[in-house]
Amino acid sequence: MILSRLRLGEYLAAVGSAALLVALFALNWYCNPTIGTWRAIPTLRWFILVSALLGLALVLTQAVMRGPALAATLDLLGMLVAGLTTILIAIRLITTGATVWTGAWVGVGAAALTALGAFRALRTEQGWMPGRDREVELIELSDDGQGGDRDA
């Protein structure tokens, strides 16, 4: 395992995934402390668990593997699943009638951080980061007469 391969995106995904697991298993999301988060959100818990595991998997893949194919695939999957999880948690927080505790806010923030880390890791994996120093390459199309009868 080579930790020097990890970049900012992987670190963000690792912190977000760890915080997501802590929010899922150690913090209460609602005012009833006798019902833990695992039992309080029966369907959403699987999205949260998969998001956290994908975030940790993309970090481990980048630290262990040499090729970019698996790392880029996990970055994309992690970004999509963690982004969907962020939206689902936000919808749950908006539509619930219960009093929301700190764990729920940590959960939505951690899911968003995991999605952001996976997005940044994917952008870095592709070798292109947006900015003023990297402009979009334009390809000029020429009409060399091979395209058929345009004037007819």
N, C-alpha and C. Protein backbone atom coordinates (compact mmCIF):
# COMPACT_ATOMS: atom_id res chain seq x y z
N MET A 1 0.85 -1.17 0.00
CA MET A 1 0.00 0.00 0.00
C MET A 1 0.89 1.23 0.00
N ILE A 2 0.67 2.10 -0.98
CA ILE A 2 1.48 3.30 -1.12
C ILE A 2 0.57 4.51 -0.88
N LEU A 3 0.71 5.13 0.28
CA LEU A 3 -0.16 6.26 0.62
C LEU A 3 0.20 7.54 -0.12
N SER A 4 1.38 7.58 -0.73
CA SER A 4 1.76 8.78 -1.48
C SER A 4 0.97 8.92 -2.78
N ARG A 5 0.29 7.85 -3.21
CA ARG A 5 -0.55 7.93 -4.40
C ARG A 5 -1.86 8.66 -4.14
N LEU A 6 -2.25 8.75 -2.88
CA LEU A 6 -3.52 9.38 -2.55
C LEU A 6 -3.45 10.88 -2.77
N ARG A 7 -4.51 11.40 -3.37
CA ARG A 7 -4.61 12.83 -3.62
C ARG A 7 -5.74 13.41 -2.79
N LEU A 8 -6.02 14.68 -2.96
CA LEU A 8 -7.01 15.36 -2.15
C LEU A 8 -8.39 14.70 -2.28
N GLY A 9 -8.76 14.27 -3.46
CA GLY A 9 -10.06 13.64 -3.65
C GLY A 9 -10.21 12.37 -2.84
N GLU A 10 -9.17 11.56 -2.80
CA GLU A 10 -9.23 10.32 -2.02
C GLU A 10 -9.29 10.61 -0.53
N TYR A 11 -8.55 11.63 -0.08
CA TYR A 11 -8.61 12.00 1.34
C TYR A 11 -10.01 12.49 1.72
N LEU A 12 -10.62 13.31 0.86
CA LEU A 12 -11.98 13.78 1.13
C LEU A 12 -12.97 12.62 1.17
N ALA A 13 -12.83 11.69 0.24
CA ALA A 13 -13.72 10.53 0.22
C ALA A 13 -13.52 9.66 1.46
N ALA A 14 -12.29 9.51 1.92
CA ALA A 14 -12.01 8.71 3.11
C ALA A 14 -12.62 9.34 4.36
N VAL A 15 -12.45 10.64 4.51
CA VAL A 15 -13.01 11.33 5.67
C VAL A 15 -14.54 11.28 5.62
N GLY A 16 -15.11 11.53 4.45
CA GLY A 16 -16.56 11.48 4.31
C GLY A 16 -17.11 10.09 4.58
N SER A 17 -16.45 9.06 4.08
CA SER A 17 -16.91 7.69 4.30
C SER A 17 -16.82 7.29 5.77
N ALA A 18 -15.74 7.65 6.42
CA ALA A 18 -15.60 7.34 7.85
C ALA A 18 -16.66 8.07 8.67
N ALA A 19 -16.89 9.34 8.35
CA ALA A 19 -17.93 10.09 9.06
C ALA A 19 -19.32 9.53 8.78
N LEU A 20 -19.53 9.03 7.58
CA LEU A 20 -20.81 8.43 7.23
C LEU A 20 -21.04 7.15 8.04
N LEU A 21 -20.02 6.34 8.22
CA LEU A 21 -20.15 5.14 9.05
C LEU A 21 -20.38 5.50 10.52
N VAL A 22 -19.70 6.52 11.01
CA VAL A 22 -19.92 6.97 12.38
C VAL A 22 -21.34 7.49 12.55
N ALA A 23 -21.82 8.26 11.58
CA ALA A 23 -23.18 8.79 11.66
C ALA A 23 -24.21 7.67 11.60
N LEU A 24 -23.92 6.62 10.86
CA LEU A 24 -24.87 5.52 10.72
C LEU A 24 -24.92 4.64 11.96
N PHE A 25 -23.77 4.35 12.55
CA PHE A 25 -23.73 3.38 13.63
C PHE A 25 -23.59 3.98 15.03
N ALA A 26 -23.06 5.19 15.17
CA ALA A 26 -22.78 5.71 16.50
C ALA A 26 -23.64 6.90 16.90
N LEU A 27 -24.23 7.61 15.95
CA LEU A 27 -25.00 8.81 16.27
C LEU A 27 -26.50 8.57 16.07
N ASN A 28 -27.29 9.23 16.88
CA ASN A 28 -28.75 9.17 16.72
C ASN A 28 -29.19 10.26 15.76
N TRP A 29 -30.11 9.91 14.88
CA TRP A 29 -30.62 10.86 13.91
C TRP A 29 -31.91 11.51 14.37
N TYR A 30 -32.62 10.82 15.24
CA TYR A 30 -33.92 11.33 15.69
C TYR A 30 -33.94 11.39 17.20
N CYS A 31 -34.96 12.05 17.75
CA CYS A 31 -35.00 12.35 19.18
C CYS A 31 -35.23 11.12 20.06
N ASN A 32 -35.58 9.98 19.51
CA ASN A 32 -35.79 8.77 20.30
C ASN A 32 -34.49 7.98 20.35
N PRO A 33 -33.73 8.08 21.45
CA PRO A 33 -32.42 7.40 21.50
C PRO A 33 -32.52 5.89 21.63
N THR A 34 -33.71 5.36 21.97
CA THR A 34 -33.83 3.90 22.09
C THR A 34 -33.84 3.22 20.73
N ILE A 35 -34.24 3.95 19.69
CA ILE A 35 -34.21 3.41 18.33
C ILE A 35 -32.97 3.97 17.64
N GLY A 36 -32.04 3.13 17.34
CA GLY A 36 -30.82 3.59 16.67
C GLY A 36 -31.09 3.95 15.22
N THR A 37 -30.11 4.54 14.60
CA THR A 37 -30.24 4.96 13.21
C THR A 37 -30.47 3.77 12.29
N TRP A 38 -29.82 2.66 12.58
CA TRP A 38 -29.93 1.49 11.73
C TRP A 38 -31.39 1.04 11.63
N ARG A 39 -32.14 1.10 12.73
CA ARG A 39 -33.54 0.71 12.71
C ARG A 39 -34.46 1.84 12.28
N ALA A 40 -34.02 3.07 12.43
CA ALA A 40 -34.89 4.21 12.12
C ALA A 40 -35.03 4.47 10.63
N ILE A 41 -34.03 4.12 9.85
CA ILE A 41 -34.08 4.35 8.40
C ILE A 41 -33.82 3.04 7.67
N PRO A 42 -34.84 2.19 7.56
CA PRO A 42 -34.61 0.83 7.06
C PRO A 42 -34.16 0.74 5.60
N THR A 43 -34.65 1.59 4.72
CA THR A 43 -34.24 1.52 3.32
C THR A 43 -33.01 2.37 3.06
N LEU A 44 -32.98 3.53 3.65
CA LEU A 44 -31.89 4.47 3.42
C LEU A 44 -30.56 3.96 3.98
N ARG A 45 -30.62 3.11 4.99
CA ARG A 45 -29.38 2.62 5.59
C ARG A 45 -28.51 1.86 4.60
N TRP A 46 -29.13 1.19 3.64
CA TRP A 46 -28.35 0.43 2.65
C TRP A 46 -27.64 1.37 1.68
N PHE A 47 -28.28 2.48 1.30
CA PHE A 47 -27.62 3.47 0.46
C PHE A 47 -26.43 4.09 1.19
N ILE A 48 -26.63 4.38 2.48
CA ILE A 48 -25.56 4.97 3.28
C ILE A 48 -24.39 4.00 3.41
N LEU A 49 -24.69 2.74 3.68
CA LEU A 49 -23.64 1.74 3.84
C LEU A 49 -22.86 1.53 2.54
N VAL A 50 -23.56 1.42 1.43
CA VAL A 50 -22.89 1.23 0.14
C VAL A 50 -22.06 2.46 -0.23
N SER A 51 -22.57 3.66 0.05
CA SER A 51 -21.80 4.88 -0.23
C SER A 51 -20.51 4.91 0.57
N ALA A 52 -20.60 4.57 1.84
CA ALA A 52 -19.40 4.57 2.69
C ALA A 52 -18.40 3.52 2.23
N LEU A 53 -18.88 2.34 1.90
CA LEU A 53 -17.97 1.27 1.45
C LEU A 53 -17.34 1.59 0.10
N LEU A 54 -18.11 2.20 -0.81
CA LEU A 54 -17.52 2.60 -2.10
C LEU A 54 -16.48 3.69 -1.91
N GLY A 55 -16.74 4.62 -0.99
CA GLY A 55 -15.76 5.66 -0.71
C GLY A 55 -14.45 5.09 -0.18
N LEU A 56 -14.56 4.13 0.73
CA LEU A 56 -13.34 3.49 1.26
C LEU A 56 -12.67 2.61 0.21
N ALA A 57 -13.47 1.97 -0.64
CA ALA A 57 -12.89 1.12 -1.69
C ALA A 57 -12.11 1.94 -2.71
N LEU A 58 -12.60 3.12 -3.06
CA LEU A 58 -11.86 3.92 -4.04
C LEU A 58 -10.55 4.42 -3.46
N VAL A 59 -10.51 4.65 -2.15
CA VAL A 59 -9.26 5.05 -1.52
C VAL A 59 -8.28 3.88 -1.51
N LEU A 60 -8.74 2.71 -1.13
CA LEU A 60 -7.86 1.54 -1.09
C LEU A 60 -7.38 1.15 -2.48
N THR A 61 -8.24 1.27 -3.47
CA THR A 61 -7.86 0.93 -4.84
C THR A 61 -6.77 1.86 -5.34
N GLN A 62 -6.89 3.13 -5.05
CA GLN A 62 -5.88 4.09 -5.50
C GLN A 62 -4.55 3.83 -4.79
N ALA A 63 -4.60 3.41 -3.53
CA ALA A 63 -3.36 3.18 -2.78
C ALA A 63 -2.69 1.87 -3.16
N VAL A 64 -3.44 0.90 -3.67
CA VAL A 64 -2.88 -0.43 -3.93
C VAL A 64 -2.64 -0.70 -5.41
N MET A 65 -3.61 -0.37 -6.26
CA MET A 65 -3.54 -0.73 -7.68
C MET A 65 -2.72 0.29 -8.46
N ARG A 66 -2.16 -0.17 -9.56
CA ARG A 66 -1.38 0.71 -10.42
C ARG A 66 -2.19 1.25 -11.59
N GLY A 67 -3.07 0.48 -12.14
CA GLY A 67 -3.82 0.89 -13.32
C GLY A 67 -4.97 1.82 -12.97
N PRO A 68 -5.33 2.70 -13.90
CA PRO A 68 -6.39 3.66 -13.62
C PRO A 68 -7.81 3.16 -13.88
N ALA A 69 -7.98 2.01 -14.53
CA ALA A 69 -9.31 1.58 -14.95
C ALA A 69 -10.22 1.29 -13.76
N LEU A 70 -9.78 0.48 -12.82
CA LEU A 70 -10.61 0.16 -11.67
C LEU A 70 -10.81 1.37 -10.77
N ALA A 71 -9.76 2.17 -10.60
CA ALA A 71 -9.88 3.37 -9.77
C ALA A 71 -10.89 4.36 -10.36
N ALA A 72 -10.85 4.55 -11.66
CA ALA A 72 -11.79 5.48 -12.30
C ALA A 72 -13.21 4.94 -12.23
N THR A 73 -13.38 3.64 -12.35
CA THR A 73 -14.71 3.04 -12.24
C THR A 73 -15.28 3.22 -10.84
N LEU A 74 -14.46 2.96 -9.83
CA LEU A 74 -14.93 3.15 -8.46
C LEU A 74 -15.17 4.62 -8.14
N ASP A 75 -14.37 5.51 -8.72
CA ASP A 75 -14.61 6.95 -8.54
C ASP A 75 -15.98 7.32 -9.08
N LEU A 76 -16.28 6.84 -10.27
CA LEU A 76 -17.58 7.16 -10.90
C LEU A 76 -18.73 6.56 -10.10
N LEU A 77 -18.63 5.29 -9.72
CA LEU A 77 -19.69 4.66 -8.93
C LEU A 77 -19.85 5.34 -7.57
N GLY A 78 -18.73 5.64 -6.94
CA GLY A 78 -18.79 6.33 -5.64
C GLY A 78 -19.43 7.69 -5.74
N MET A 79 -19.10 8.42 -6.80
CA MET A 79 -19.70 9.75 -6.99
C MET A 79 -21.20 9.64 -7.19
N LEU A 80 -21.64 8.72 -8.03
CA LEU A 80 -23.06 8.57 -8.32
C LEU A 80 -23.85 8.09 -7.10
N VAL A 81 -23.36 7.06 -6.44
CA VAL A 81 -24.09 6.51 -5.29
C VAL A 81 -24.08 7.49 -4.12
N ALA A 82 -22.95 8.11 -3.83
CA ALA A 82 -22.89 9.07 -2.73
C ALA A 82 -23.72 10.32 -3.03
N GLY A 83 -23.73 10.74 -4.29
CA GLY A 83 -24.59 11.87 -4.66
C GLY A 83 -26.06 11.54 -4.50
N LEU A 84 -26.46 10.35 -4.93
CA LEU A 84 -27.84 9.91 -4.75
C LEU A 84 -28.18 9.78 -3.27
N THR A 85 -27.25 9.26 -2.48
CA THR A 85 -27.46 9.13 -1.04
C THR A 85 -27.63 10.50 -0.39
N THR A 86 -26.84 11.48 -0.81
CA THR A 86 -26.98 12.84 -0.29
C THR A 86 -28.38 13.39 -0.56
N ILE A 87 -28.85 13.19 -1.77
CA ILE A 87 -30.19 13.67 -2.14
C ILE A 87 -31.26 12.94 -1.33
N LEU A 88 -31.12 11.62 -1.18
CA LEU A 88 -32.11 10.85 -0.43
C LEU A 88 -32.13 11.23 1.05
N ILE A 89 -30.97 11.46 1.65
CA ILE A 89 -30.92 11.89 3.04
C ILE A 89 -31.56 13.27 3.19
N ALA A 90 -31.25 14.16 2.26
CA ALA A 90 -31.84 15.51 2.33
C ALA A 90 -33.37 15.44 2.21
N ILE A 91 -33.87 14.61 1.32
CA ILE A 91 -35.32 14.45 1.19
C ILE A 91 -35.90 13.88 2.47
N ARG A 92 -35.22 12.92 3.06
CA ARG A 92 -35.69 12.33 4.32
C ARG A 92 -35.73 13.37 5.43
N LEU A 93 -34.72 14.23 5.50
CA LEU A 93 -34.69 15.25 6.54
C LEU A 93 -35.79 16.30 6.34
N ILE A 94 -36.08 16.61 5.09
CA ILE A 94 -37.11 17.62 4.80
C ILE A 94 -38.50 17.06 5.08
N THR A 95 -38.72 15.81 4.76
CA THR A 95 -40.07 15.25 4.85
C THR A 95 -40.39 14.57 6.17
N THR A 96 -39.42 14.40 7.05
CA THR A 96 -39.71 13.73 8.31
C THR A 96 -40.43 14.67 9.27
N GLY A 97 -41.27 14.10 10.09
CA GLY A 97 -41.98 14.90 11.08
C GLY A 97 -41.30 14.87 12.44
N ALA A 98 -40.26 14.05 12.57
CA ALA A 98 -39.56 13.91 13.85
C ALA A 98 -38.53 15.01 14.02
N THR A 99 -38.13 15.19 15.26
CA THR A 99 -37.07 16.15 15.55
C THR A 99 -35.74 15.55 15.14
N VAL A 100 -35.00 16.27 14.33
CA VAL A 100 -33.74 15.77 13.77
C VAL A 100 -32.59 16.15 14.71
N TRP A 101 -31.73 15.19 15.02
CA TRP A 101 -30.58 15.43 15.86
C TRP A 101 -29.33 15.61 15.00
N THR A 102 -28.22 15.77 15.67
CA THR A 102 -26.95 16.07 15.01
C THR A 102 -26.50 14.98 14.05
N GLY A 103 -26.78 13.74 14.35
CA GLY A 103 -26.35 12.64 13.51
C GLY A 103 -26.86 12.74 12.08
N ALA A 104 -28.08 13.25 11.92
CA ALA A 104 -28.64 13.39 10.57
C ALA A 104 -27.88 14.44 9.77
N TRP A 105 -27.51 15.53 10.43
CA TRP A 105 -26.76 16.57 9.72
C TRP A 105 -25.35 16.12 9.41
N VAL A 106 -24.76 15.36 10.30
CA VAL A 106 -23.45 14.77 10.03
C VAL A 106 -23.56 13.80 8.86
N GLY A 107 -24.64 13.04 8.81
CA GLY A 107 -24.85 12.07 7.72
C GLY A 107 -24.96 12.73 6.36
N VAL A 108 -25.76 13.79 6.27
CA VAL A 108 -25.92 14.45 4.96
C VAL A 108 -24.61 15.15 4.56
N GLY A 109 -23.91 15.73 5.52
CA GLY A 109 -22.63 16.37 5.20
C GLY A 109 -21.56 15.36 4.80
N ALA A 110 -21.54 14.22 5.48
CA ALA A 110 -20.57 13.18 5.16
C ALA A 110 -20.84 12.56 3.79
N ALA A 111 -22.11 12.36 3.46
CA ALA A 111 -22.44 11.82 2.14
C ALA A 111 -22.05 12.81 1.05
N ALA A 112 -22.28 14.09 1.29
CA ALA A 112 -21.88 15.12 0.31
C ALA A 112 -20.36 15.18 0.18
N LEU A 113 -19.65 15.05 1.28
CA LEU A 113 -18.18 15.06 1.24
C LEU A 113 -17.64 13.84 0.50
N THR A 114 -18.27 12.70 0.68
CA THR A 114 -17.86 11.49 -0.05
C THR A 114 -18.08 11.67 -1.55
N ALA A 115 -19.23 12.23 -1.92
CA ALA A 115 -19.51 12.47 -3.34
C ALA A 115 -18.52 13.48 -3.92
N LEU A 116 -18.22 14.54 -3.18
CA LEU A 116 -17.26 15.54 -3.64
C LEU A 116 -15.87 14.94 -3.80
N GLY A 117 -15.46 14.13 -2.84
CA GLY A 117 -14.15 13.48 -2.92
C GLY A 117 -14.05 12.55 -4.11
N ALA A 118 -15.10 11.78 -4.36
CA ALA A 118 -15.10 10.87 -5.51
C ALA A 118 -15.09 11.66 -6.82
N PHE A 119 -15.82 12.78 -6.87
CA PHE A 119 -15.82 13.62 -8.06
C PHE A 119 -14.44 14.20 -8.32
N ARG A 120 -13.83 14.70 -7.27
CA ARG A 120 -12.49 15.28 -7.43
C ARG A 120 -11.46 14.21 -7.81
N ALA A 121 -11.58 13.03 -7.23
CA ALA A 121 -10.66 11.94 -7.58
C ALA A 121 -10.85 11.53 -9.04
N LEU A 122 -12.09 11.50 -9.51
CA LEU A 122 -12.35 11.16 -10.90
C LEU A 122 -11.78 12.21 -11.83
N ARG A 123 -11.95 13.47 -11.50
CA ARG A 123 -11.39 14.54 -12.35
C ARG A 123 -9.87 14.47 -12.38
N THR A 124 -9.25 14.17 -11.27
CA THR A 124 -7.79 14.06 -11.23
C THR A 124 -7.33 12.82 -11.98
N GLU A 125 -8.10 11.74 -11.90
CA GLU A 125 -7.74 10.50 -12.60
C GLU A 125 -7.75 10.70 -14.10
N GLN A 126 -8.66 11.54 -14.57
CA GLN A 126 -8.74 11.82 -16.00
C GLN A 126 -7.64 12.76 -16.46
N GLY A 127 -6.94 13.40 -15.53
CA GLY A 127 -5.85 14.27 -15.88
C GLY A 127 -6.27 15.67 -16.29
N TRP A 128 -7.50 16.03 -15.99
CA TRP A 128 -7.97 17.35 -16.39
C TRP A 128 -8.72 17.98 -15.23
N MET A 129 -8.20 19.06 -14.74
CA MET A 129 -8.89 19.82 -13.70
C MET A 129 -9.32 21.15 -14.31
N PRO A 130 -10.55 21.56 -14.09
CA PRO A 130 -11.01 22.82 -14.68
C PRO A 130 -10.25 24.01 -14.10
N GLY A 131 -10.10 25.01 -14.92
CA GLY A 131 -9.41 26.22 -14.49
C GLY A 131 -9.00 27.06 -15.68
N ARG A 132 -8.45 28.22 -15.38
CA ARG A 132 -8.05 29.13 -16.45
C ARG A 132 -6.86 28.62 -17.25
N ASP A 133 -6.01 27.82 -16.59
CA ASP A 133 -4.82 27.34 -17.28
C ASP A 133 -5.09 26.15 -18.19
N ARG A 134 -6.27 25.56 -18.10
CA ARG A 134 -6.64 24.42 -18.95
C ARG A 134 -7.92 24.75 -19.70
N GLU A 135 -7.77 25.14 -20.93
CA GLU A 135 -8.94 25.45 -21.74
C GLU A 135 -9.42 24.21 -22.46
N VAL A 136 -10.66 24.24 -22.84
CA VAL A 136 -11.24 23.14 -23.59
C VAL A 136 -10.66 23.15 -24.99
N GLU A 137 -10.21 21.98 -25.44
CA GLU A 137 -9.62 21.88 -26.76
C GLU A 137 -10.71 21.93 -27.82
N LEU A 138 -10.54 22.81 -28.79
CA LEU A 138 -11.49 22.95 -29.88
C LEU A 138 -10.93 22.27 -31.13
N ILE A 139 -11.76 21.53 -31.80
CA ILE A 139 -11.36 20.86 -33.04
C ILE A 139 -12.10 21.54 -34.17
N GLU A 140 -11.34 22.03 -35.12
CA GLU A 140 -11.94 22.73 -36.25
C GLU A 140 -12.32 21.72 -37.32
N LEU A 141 -13.55 21.78 -37.74
CA LEU A 141 -14.03 20.88 -38.79
C LEU A 141 -13.88 21.58 -40.14
N SER A 142 -13.38 20.85 -41.10
CA SER A 142 -13.21 21.43 -42.43
C SER A 142 -14.07 20.66 -43.41
N ASP A 143 -14.55 21.36 -44.40
CA ASP A 143 -15.36 20.73 -45.44
C ASP A 143 -14.44 20.44 -46.62
N ASP A 144 -14.04 19.18 -46.76
CA ASP A 144 -13.11 18.81 -47.82
C ASP A 144 -13.81 18.16 -49.02
N GLY A 145 -15.13 18.26 -49.07
CA GLY A 145 -15.84 17.72 -50.20
C GLY A 145 -16.21 16.25 -50.03
N GLN A 146 -15.81 15.63 -48.96
CA GLN A 146 -16.07 14.23 -48.75
C GLN A 146 -17.41 13.99 -48.03
N GLY A 147 -18.06 15.02 -47.57
CA GLY A 147 -19.26 14.88 -46.76
C GLY A 147 -20.53 14.72 -47.54
N GLY A 148 -20.52 14.63 -48.83
CA GLY A 148 -21.73 14.46 -49.62
C GLY A 148 -22.15 15.75 -50.28
N ASP A 149 -23.32 15.78 -50.85
CA ASP A 149 -23.80 16.96 -51.55
C ASP A 149 -24.53 17.87 -50.59
N ARG A 150 -23.83 18.87 -50.11
CA ARG A 150 -24.46 19.83 -49.20
C ARG A 150 -25.12 20.95 -50.00
N ASP A 151 -24.58 21.25 -51.20
CA ASP A 151 -25.10 22.37 -51.98
C ASP A 151 -26.25 21.95 -52.90
N ALA A 152 -26.47 20.68 -53.02
CA ALA A 152 -27.48 20.21 -53.98
C ALA A 152 -28.88 20.46 -53.53
